[in-house]
Amino acid sequence: MRPFLTLLAGLSLLATAAHAQTPDNTAPPVLNPAPVATPAPAAAPAASTPAPAVAPAAVRVSRRYPQSSLALVVGWGAPYGWGFEFSQLVAPGFDVNAGLGFSVTGGKLGIGGRYYFSPERKVSAWLGGNLVHSTGLDNITITNNSSTSSGGGYYNNTPANTGVINYGSAELLHLRGGMRWQPVHRFAMFGGLGYGIPFSGGAVQYVSGNFDQPTRDALQLLAPGGVEVSVGVALGFN
């Protein structure tokens, strides 16, 4: 019996030793470690795109004409007679104007406009038009000394032929053109040629007296309208 117990004790010791040397398969499995974040590859540098060519800015032409001007105008058949004209530039090549003055046939006042072909230059041609009212003039006394010839000399007849005329009021359209010289910003000179067309009134009224045909023709030349030859000087404000 003793050998049997001794044998069981030895087997028990062997089993215990074997169990101690055997790895414990019941241990919890080792979890996979969290994946390490891999840095994203650096973005490739963007291809350098050449900047679009910028068109050169348009060269700004300095404004030669002043914004506002006051002009003195004289001449034959000018829209405002011998008078003053105020003009306002509303575009680089266009102005509007208003004026008043007088002539042998009465006062004149009106409005108008001019278009300049080359306002950036010192000298520019222009075209324009004006609407004008002429007040007319009444009770103008005309003395007409007729003459006769005798023996190569001229003698005045007496008594002199005296008459009275009226120039009626009139509305006119003036069509004009000319040149403007602007040497500096605030000073200009200009000249104009044109023609005034009466569309209302303006007739010569013979009140009294006898007038021969040459005298009548001369008086008609002074009536509102007809050919214009004028010059003027202008001073600018801004």
C-alpha atoms as a PDB file:
ATOM      1  CA  MET A   1       0.000   0.000   0.000  1.00  0.00           C
ATOM      2  CA  ARG A   2       2.836   2.371   0.867  1.00  0.00           C
ATOM      3  CA  PRO A   3       4.462   2.081  -2.593  1.00  0.00           C
ATOM      4  CA  PHE A   4       1.092   2.900  -4.190  1.00  0.00           C
ATOM      5  CA  LEU A   5       0.687   6.065  -2.104  1.00  0.00           C
ATOM      6  CA  THR A   6       4.262   7.003  -2.825  1.00  0.00           C
ATOM      7  CA  LEU A   7       3.555   6.585  -6.560  1.00  0.00           C
ATOM      8  CA  LEU A   8       0.376   8.794  -6.333  1.00  0.00           C
ATOM      9  CA  ALA A   9       2.291  11.522  -4.533  1.00  0.00           C
ATOM     10  CA  GLY A  10       5.009  11.478  -7.187  1.00  0.00           C
ATOM     11  CA  LEU A  11       2.463  11.686  -9.989  1.00  0.00           C
ATOM     12  CA  SER A  12       0.752  14.550  -8.205  1.00  0.00           C
ATOM     13  CA  LEU A  13       4.024  16.443  -7.943  1.00  0.00           C
ATOM     14  CA  LEU A  14       4.771  15.826 -11.636  1.00  0.00           C
ATOM     15  CA  ALA A  15       1.344  17.029 -12.646  1.00  0.00           C
ATOM     16  CA  THR A  16       1.738  20.184 -10.574  1.00  0.00           C
ATOM     17  CA  ALA A  17       5.138  20.921 -12.092  1.00  0.00           C
ATOM     18  CA  ALA A  18       3.850  20.323 -15.619  1.00  0.00           C
ATOM     19  CA  HIS A  19       0.917  22.660 -15.005  1.00  0.00           C
ATOM     20  CA  ALA A  20       3.214  25.368 -13.759  1.00  0.00           C
ATOM     21  CA  GLN A  21       5.346  25.142 -16.924  1.00  0.00           C
ATOM     22  CA  THR A  22       2.357  25.193 -19.309  1.00  0.00           C
ATOM     23  CA  PRO A  23       1.365  28.744 -20.535  1.00  0.00           C
ATOM     24  CA  ASP A  24      -2.055  29.928 -19.482  1.00  0.00           C
ATOM     25  CA  ASN A  25      -4.125  29.913 -22.623  1.00  0.00           C
ATOM     26  CA  THR A  26      -7.049  31.474 -20.813  1.00  0.00           C
ATOM     27  CA  ALA A  27      -5.342  34.839 -20.451  1.00  0.00           C
ATOM     28  CA  PRO A  28      -7.196  37.557 -22.337  1.00  0.00           C
ATOM     29  CA  PRO A  29      -5.839  38.125 -25.821  1.00  0.00           C
ATOM     30  CA  VAL A  30      -3.680  41.145 -26.346  1.00  0.00           C
ATOM     31  CA  LEU A  31      -5.537  43.693 -28.366  1.00  0.00           C
ATOM     32  CA  ASN A  32      -3.852  45.141 -31.422  1.00  0.00           C
ATOM     33  CA  PRO A  33      -2.345  48.498 -30.583  1.00  0.00           C
ATOM     34  CA  ALA A  34      -4.086  51.561 -32.043  1.00  0.00           C
ATOM     35  CA  PRO A  35      -2.704  52.304 -35.472  1.00  0.00           C
ATOM     36  CA  VAL A  36      -0.290  55.169 -35.471  1.00  0.00           C
ATOM     37  CA  ALA A  37      -1.552  58.037 -37.629  1.00  0.00           C
ATOM     38  CA  THR A  38       0.607  58.377 -40.666  1.00  0.00           C
ATOM     39  CA  PRO A  39       1.176  62.027 -41.605  1.00  0.00           C
ATOM     40  CA  ALA A  40      -0.338  62.929 -44.936  1.00  0.00           C
ATOM     41  CA  PRO A  41       2.194  63.540 -47.613  1.00  0.00           C
ATOM     42  CA  ALA A  42       2.950  67.209 -48.101  1.00  0.00           C
ATOM     43  CA  ALA A  43       0.990  68.726 -50.941  1.00  0.00           C
ATOM     44  CA  ALA A  44       3.024  69.353 -53.983  1.00  0.00           C
ATOM     45  CA  PRO A  45       3.644  73.058 -54.509  1.00  0.00           C
ATOM     46  CA  ALA A  46       1.164  74.553 -56.933  1.00  0.00           C
ATOM     47  CA  ALA A  47       2.587  75.287 -60.285  1.00  0.00           C
ATOM     48  CA  SER A  48       3.332  78.983 -60.457  1.00  0.00           C
ATOM     49  CA  THR A  49       0.839  80.585 -62.821  1.00  0.00           C
ATOM     50  CA  PRO A  50       2.054  83.798 -64.381  1.00  0.00           C
ATOM     51  CA  ALA A  51      -0.144  86.757 -63.474  1.00  0.00           C
ATOM     52  CA  PRO A  52      -2.324  87.844 -66.374  1.00  0.00           C
ATOM     53  CA  ALA A  53      -0.873  90.684 -68.284  1.00  0.00           C
ATOM     54  CA  VAL A  54      -2.543  93.914 -67.247  1.00  0.00           C
ATOM     55  CA  ALA A  55      -3.317  96.190 -70.116  1.00  0.00           C
ATOM     56  CA  PRO A  56      -1.716  99.570 -69.598  1.00  0.00           C
ATOM     57  CA  ALA A  57      -4.192 102.071 -68.238  1.00  0.00           C
ATOM     58  CA  ALA A  58      -5.451 104.514 -70.768  1.00  0.00           C
ATOM     59  CA  VAL A  59      -3.481 107.689 -70.600  1.00  0.00           C
ATOM     60  CA  ARG A  60      -5.732 110.312 -69.059  1.00  0.00           C
ATOM     61  CA  VAL A  61      -5.699 113.408 -71.142  1.00  0.00           C
ATOM     62  CA  SER A  62      -5.648 116.404 -68.874  1.00  0.00           C
ATOM     63  CA  ARG A  63      -8.780 118.466 -69.242  1.00  0.00           C
ATOM     64  CA  ARG A  64      -7.804 121.427 -71.395  1.00  0.00           C
ATOM     65  CA  TYR A  65     -11.130 123.263 -71.400  1.00  0.00           C
ATOM     66  CA  PRO A  66     -12.408 124.792 -68.154  1.00  0.00           C
ATOM     67  CA  GLN A  67     -15.699 123.542 -66.815  1.00  0.00           C
ATOM     68  CA  SER A  68     -17.283 127.014 -66.961  1.00  0.00           C
ATOM     69  CA  SER A  69     -16.430 130.053 -69.066  1.00  0.00           C
ATOM     70  CA  LEU A  70     -17.576 133.620 -69.552  1.00  0.00           C
ATOM     71  CA  ALA A  71     -16.952 135.080 -73.002  1.00  0.00           C
ATOM     72  CA  LEU A  72     -17.186 138.487 -74.643  1.00  0.00           C
ATOM     73  CA  VAL A  73     -18.372 138.136 -78.235  1.00  0.00           C
ATOM     74  CA  VAL A  74     -18.479 140.776 -80.968  1.00  0.00           C
ATOM     75  CA  GLY A  75     -19.124 140.645 -84.668  1.00  0.00           C
ATOM     76  CA  TRP A  76     -21.640 140.852 -87.457  1.00  0.00           C
ATOM     77  CA  GLY A  77     -24.703 138.648 -87.166  1.00  0.00           C
ATOM     78  CA  ALA A  78     -23.545 136.903 -83.966  1.00  0.00           C
ATOM     79  CA  PRO A  79     -26.362 135.092 -82.135  1.00  0.00           C
ATOM     80  CA  TYR A  80     -26.060 137.341 -79.079  1.00  0.00           C
ATOM     81  CA  GLY A  81     -24.910 140.421 -80.977  1.00  0.00           C
ATOM     82  CA  TRP A  82     -22.291 142.356 -79.084  1.00  0.00           C
ATOM     83  CA  GLY A  83     -22.639 140.719 -75.725  1.00  0.00           C
ATOM     84  CA  PHE A  84     -21.716 138.077 -73.180  1.00  0.00           C
ATOM     85  CA  GLU A  85     -21.992 134.342 -73.241  1.00  0.00           C
ATOM     86  CA  PHE A  86     -21.796 131.883 -70.337  1.00  0.00           C
ATOM     87  CA  SER A  87     -20.912 128.306 -71.273  1.00  0.00           C
ATOM     88  CA  GLN A  88     -20.870 125.098 -69.259  1.00  0.00           C
ATOM     89  CA  LEU A  89     -18.964 121.993 -70.328  1.00  0.00           C
ATOM     90  CA  VAL A  90     -21.275 118.974 -69.962  1.00  0.00           C
ATOM     91  CA  ALA A  91     -18.980 116.489 -71.732  1.00  0.00           C
ATOM     92  CA  PRO A  92     -15.308 116.620 -72.747  1.00  0.00           C
ATOM     93  CA  GLY A  93     -16.288 117.764 -76.227  1.00  0.00           C
ATOM     94  CA  PHE A  94     -19.647 119.459 -75.757  1.00  0.00           C
ATOM     95  CA  ASP A  95     -20.825 122.614 -74.011  1.00  0.00           C
ATOM     96  CA  VAL A  96     -24.132 124.397 -73.568  1.00  0.00           C
ATOM     97  CA  ASN A  97     -24.333 128.159 -73.384  1.00  0.00           C
ATOM     98  CA  ALA A  98     -26.631 131.077 -72.745  1.00  0.00           C
ATOM     99  CA  GLY A  99     -26.059 134.689 -73.678  1.00  0.00           C
ATOM    100  CA  LEU A 100     -27.418 138.148 -74.073  1.00  0.00           C
ATOM    101  CA  GLY A 101     -26.340 141.285 -75.871  1.00  0.00           C
ATOM    102  CA  PHE A 102     -27.516 143.987 -78.207  1.00  0.00           C
ATOM    103  CA  SER A 103     -27.370 144.973 -81.859  1.00  0.00           C
ATOM    104  CA  VAL A 104     -28.728 147.768 -84.035  1.00  0.00           C
ATOM    105  CA  THR A 105     -31.984 145.848 -84.292  1.00  0.00           C
ATOM    106  CA  GLY A 106     -32.540 145.423 -80.540  1.00  0.00           C
ATOM    107  CA  GLY A 107     -31.571 143.197 -77.667  1.00  0.00           C
ATOM    108  CA  LYS A 108     -30.766 139.515 -78.083  1.00  0.00           C
ATOM    109  CA  LEU A 109     -30.864 136.562 -75.737  1.00  0.00           C
ATOM    110  CA  GLY A 110     -30.845 132.839 -76.234  1.00  0.00           C
ATOM    111  CA  ILE A 111     -29.328 129.428 -75.642  1.00  0.00           C
ATOM    112  CA  GLY A 112     -27.091 127.163 -77.676  1.00  0.00           C
ATOM    113  CA  GLY A 113     -24.536 124.404 -77.795  1.00  0.00           C
ATOM    114  CA  ARG A 114     -21.206 123.551 -79.409  1.00  0.00           C
ATOM    115  CA  TYR A 115     -19.480 120.288 -80.274  1.00  0.00           C
ATOM    116  CA  TYR A 116     -15.652 120.313 -80.316  1.00  0.00           C
ATOM    117  CA  PHE A 117     -13.882 117.801 -82.500  1.00  0.00           C
ATOM    118  CA  SER A 118     -10.507 117.862 -80.669  1.00  0.00           C
ATOM    119  CA  PRO A 119     -10.992 119.236 -77.140  1.00  0.00           C
ATOM    120  CA  GLU A 120      -7.667 117.784 -75.977  1.00  0.00           C
ATOM    121  CA  ARG A 121      -5.711 119.985 -78.396  1.00  0.00           C
ATOM    122  CA  LYS A 122      -4.903 123.649 -78.352  1.00  0.00           C
ATOM    123  CA  VAL A 123      -6.819 124.260 -81.568  1.00  0.00           C
ATOM    124  CA  SER A 124     -10.121 122.563 -82.291  1.00  0.00           C
ATOM    125  CA  ALA A 125     -12.828 122.973 -84.884  1.00  0.00           C
ATOM    126  CA  TRP A 126     -16.407 123.153 -83.652  1.00  0.00           C
ATOM    127  CA  LEU A 127     -19.998 123.072 -84.868  1.00  0.00           C
ATOM    128  CA  GLY A 128     -22.978 124.493 -83.047  1.00  0.00           C
ATOM    129  CA  GLY A 129     -26.401 126.010 -83.068  1.00  0.00           C
ATOM    130  CA  ASN A 130     -28.376 128.636 -81.155  1.00  0.00           C
ATOM    131  CA  LEU A 131     -31.999 129.520 -80.587  1.00  0.00           C
ATOM    132  CA  VAL A 132     -32.267 133.282 -80.163  1.00  0.00           C
ATOM    133  CA  HIS A 133     -34.941 135.860 -79.453  1.00  0.00           C
ATOM    134  CA  SER A 134     -34.422 139.357 -80.845  1.00  0.00           C
ATOM    135  CA  THR A 135     -36.474 142.012 -79.085  1.00  0.00           C
ATOM    136  CA  GLY A 136     -36.630 144.308 -82.085  1.00  0.00           C
ATOM    137  CA  LEU A 137     -36.332 148.090 -82.012  1.00  0.00           C
ATOM    138  CA  ASP A 138     -38.952 150.719 -82.772  1.00  0.00           C
ATOM    139  CA  ASN A 139     -38.966 154.316 -83.967  1.00  0.00           C
ATOM    140  CA  ILE A 140     -35.581 154.380 -85.647  1.00  0.00           C
ATOM    141  CA  THR A 141     -35.170 157.638 -87.534  1.00  0.00           C
ATOM    142  CA  ILE A 142     -33.352 157.372 -90.851  1.00  0.00           C
ATOM    143  CA  THR A 143     -32.175 160.423 -92.753  1.00  0.00           C
ATOM    144  CA  ASN A 144     -31.568 159.822 -96.425  1.00  0.00           C
ATOM    145  CA  ASN A 145     -29.862 162.708 -98.192  1.00  0.00           C
ATOM    146  CA  SER A 146     -30.339 162.049-101.906  1.00  0.00           C
ATOM    147  CA  SER A 147     -27.907 163.680-104.272  1.00  0.00           C
ATOM    148  CA  THR A 148     -27.790 164.784-107.877  1.00  0.00           C
ATOM    149  CA  SER A 149     -24.888 165.493-110.166  1.00  0.00           C
ATOM    150  CA  SER A 150     -24.293 168.655-112.190  1.00  0.00           C
ATOM    151  CA  GLY A 151     -21.135 169.499-114.071  1.00  0.00           C
ATOM    152  CA  GLY A 152     -19.165 166.677-112.501  1.00  0.00           C
ATOM    153  CA  GLY A 153     -20.070 167.618-108.905  1.00  0.00           C
ATOM    154  CA  TYR A 154     -22.578 166.176-106.434  1.00  0.00           C
ATOM    155  CA  TYR A 155     -25.044 168.316-104.564  1.00  0.00           C
ATOM    156  CA  ASN A 156     -27.337 167.353-101.729  1.00  0.00           C
ATOM    157  CA  ASN A 157     -31.012 167.883-102.328  1.00  0.00           C
ATOM    158  CA  THR A 158     -32.878 169.766 -99.654  1.00  0.00           C
ATOM    159  CA  PRO A 159     -34.856 169.148 -97.614  1.00  0.00           C
ATOM    160  CA  ALA A 160     -33.445 165.795 -96.535  1.00  0.00           C
ATOM    161  CA  ASN A 161     -35.668 162.736 -96.748  1.00  0.00           C
ATOM    162  CA  THR A 162     -36.313 161.637 -93.163  1.00  0.00           C
ATOM    163  CA  GLY A 163     -38.206 158.481 -92.323  1.00  0.00           C
ATOM    164  CA  VAL A 164     -38.983 156.198 -89.412  1.00  0.00           C
ATOM    165  CA  ILE A 165     -38.702 152.418 -89.375  1.00  0.00           C
ATOM    166  CA  ASN A 166     -39.222 149.579 -86.905  1.00  0.00           C
ATOM    167  CA  TYR A 167     -37.376 146.286 -86.649  1.00  0.00           C
ATOM    168  CA  GLY A 168     -39.876 143.725 -85.415  1.00  0.00           C
ATOM    169  CA  SER A 169     -39.087 141.131 -82.790  1.00  0.00           C
ATOM    170  CA  ALA A 170     -37.951 137.781 -84.137  1.00  0.00           C
ATOM    171  CA  GLU A 171     -37.041 134.199 -83.245  1.00  0.00           C
ATOM    172  CA  LEU A 172     -34.043 132.767 -85.041  1.00  0.00           C
ATOM    173  CA  LEU A 173     -32.074 129.576 -85.521  1.00  0.00           C
ATOM    174  CA  HIS A 174     -28.334 130.166 -85.904  1.00  0.00           C
ATOM    175  CA  LEU A 175     -26.233 127.412 -87.494  1.00  0.00           C
ATOM    176  CA  ARG A 176     -22.539 127.986 -86.910  1.00  0.00           C
ATOM    177  CA  GLY A 177     -19.021 126.630 -87.072  1.00  0.00           C
ATOM    178  CA  GLY A 178     -15.540 127.845 -86.308  1.00  0.00           C
ATOM    179  CA  MET A 179     -12.252 127.339 -84.480  1.00  0.00           C
ATOM    180  CA  ARG A 180     -11.245 127.569 -80.824  1.00  0.00           C
ATOM    181  CA  TRP A 181      -7.712 128.288 -79.611  1.00  0.00           C
ATOM    182  CA  GLN A 182      -7.026 127.301 -75.984  1.00  0.00           C
ATOM    183  CA  PRO A 183      -3.355 128.113 -75.202  1.00  0.00           C
ATOM    184  CA  VAL A 184      -3.869 127.761 -71.416  1.00  0.00           C
ATOM    185  CA  HIS A 185      -6.582 126.274 -69.234  1.00  0.00           C
ATOM    186  CA  ARG A 186      -8.322 129.540 -68.300  1.00  0.00           C
ATOM    187  CA  PHE A 187      -8.102 131.528 -71.526  1.00  0.00           C
ATOM    188  CA  ALA A 188      -9.404 130.938 -75.030  1.00  0.00           C
ATOM    189  CA  MET A 189     -10.099 132.793 -78.258  1.00  0.00           C
ATOM    190  CA  PHE A 190     -12.533 131.660 -80.900  1.00  0.00           C
ATOM    191  CA  GLY A 191     -14.030 132.707 -84.186  1.00  0.00           C
ATOM    192  CA  GLY A 192     -17.224 131.726 -85.915  1.00  0.00           C
ATOM    193  CA  LEU A 193     -18.971 131.778 -89.261  1.00  0.00           C
ATOM    194  CA  GLY A 194     -22.620 130.999 -89.669  1.00  0.00           C
ATOM    195  CA  TYR A 195     -26.067 131.970 -90.792  1.00  0.00           C
ATOM    196  CA  GLY A 196     -29.147 133.081 -88.862  1.00  0.00           C
ATOM    197  CA  ILE A 197     -32.522 131.902 -90.117  1.00  0.00           C
ATOM    198  CA  PRO A 198     -35.580 133.828 -88.859  1.00  0.00           C
ATOM    199  CA  PHE A 199     -38.563 131.554 -88.415  1.00  0.00           C
ATOM    200  CA  SER A 200     -40.794 134.194 -86.862  1.00  0.00           C
ATOM    201  CA  GLY A 201     -40.921 137.979 -87.268  1.00  0.00           C
ATOM    202  CA  GLY A 202     -37.942 140.187 -87.992  1.00  0.00           C
ATOM    203  CA  ALA A 203     -39.341 142.140 -90.922  1.00  0.00           C
ATOM    204  CA  VAL A 204     -38.419 145.796 -91.464  1.00  0.00           C
ATOM    205  CA  GLN A 205     -41.471 148.011 -90.981  1.00  0.00           C
ATOM    206  CA  TYR A 206     -41.451 151.363 -92.812  1.00  0.00           C
ATOM    207  CA  VAL A 207     -43.473 153.737 -90.670  1.00  0.00           C
ATOM    208  CA  SER A 208     -42.978 156.998 -92.529  1.00  0.00           C
ATOM    209  CA  GLY A 209     -40.796 158.551 -95.190  1.00  0.00           C
ATOM    210  CA  ASN A 210     -39.763 157.542 -98.664  1.00  0.00           C
ATOM    211  CA  PHE A 211     -36.871 155.136 -99.078  1.00  0.00           C
ATOM    212  CA  ASP A 212     -35.263 154.290-102.370  1.00  0.00           C
ATOM    213  CA  GLN A 213     -34.318 150.710-103.147  1.00  0.00           C
ATOM    214  CA  PRO A 214     -30.616 150.963-102.226  1.00  0.00           C
ATOM    215  CA  THR A 215     -31.616 152.315 -98.807  1.00  0.00           C
ATOM    216  CA  ARG A 216     -34.147 149.547 -98.346  1.00  0.00           C
ATOM    217  CA  ASP A 217     -31.534 146.936 -99.260  1.00  0.00           C
ATOM    218  CA  ALA A 218     -29.086 148.398 -96.734  1.00  0.00           C
ATOM    219  CA  LEU A 219     -31.723 148.427 -93.982  1.00  0.00           C
ATOM    220  CA  GLN A 220     -32.614 144.820 -94.757  1.00  0.00           C
ATOM    221  CA  LEU A 221     -28.986 143.789 -94.243  1.00  0.00           C
ATOM    222  CA  LEU A 222     -29.260 145.009 -90.647  1.00  0.00           C
ATOM    223  CA  ALA A 223     -32.402 142.972 -89.970  1.00  0.00           C
ATOM    224  CA  PRO A 224     -32.107 139.924 -87.670  1.00  0.00           C
ATOM    225  CA  GLY A 225     -30.617 136.897 -89.380  1.00  0.00           C
ATOM    226  CA  GLY A 226     -28.235 136.506 -92.258  1.00  0.00           C
ATOM    227  CA  VAL A 227     -24.499 135.950 -92.370  1.00  0.00           C
ATOM    228  CA  GLU A 228     -22.458 135.760 -89.175  1.00  0.00           C
ATOM    229  CA  VAL A 229     -18.794 136.697 -88.731  1.00  0.00           C
ATOM    230  CA  SER A 230     -17.837 136.825 -85.058  1.00  0.00           C
ATOM    231  CA  VAL A 231     -14.900 136.606 -82.672  1.00  0.00           C
ATOM    232  CA  GLY A 232     -14.679 136.255 -78.910  1.00  0.00           C
ATOM    233  CA  VAL A 233     -12.452 135.786 -75.886  1.00  0.00           C
ATOM    234  CA  ALA A 234     -13.324 133.526 -72.974  1.00  0.00           C
ATOM    235  CA  LEU A 235     -12.109 133.316 -69.370  1.00  0.00           C
ATOM    236  CA  GLY A 236     -12.456 130.008 -67.519  1.00  0.00           C
ATOM    237  CA  PHE A 237     -13.485 129.499 -63.887  1.00  0.00           C
ATOM    238  CA  ASN A 238     -12.474 125.919 -63.045  1.00  0.00           C
END
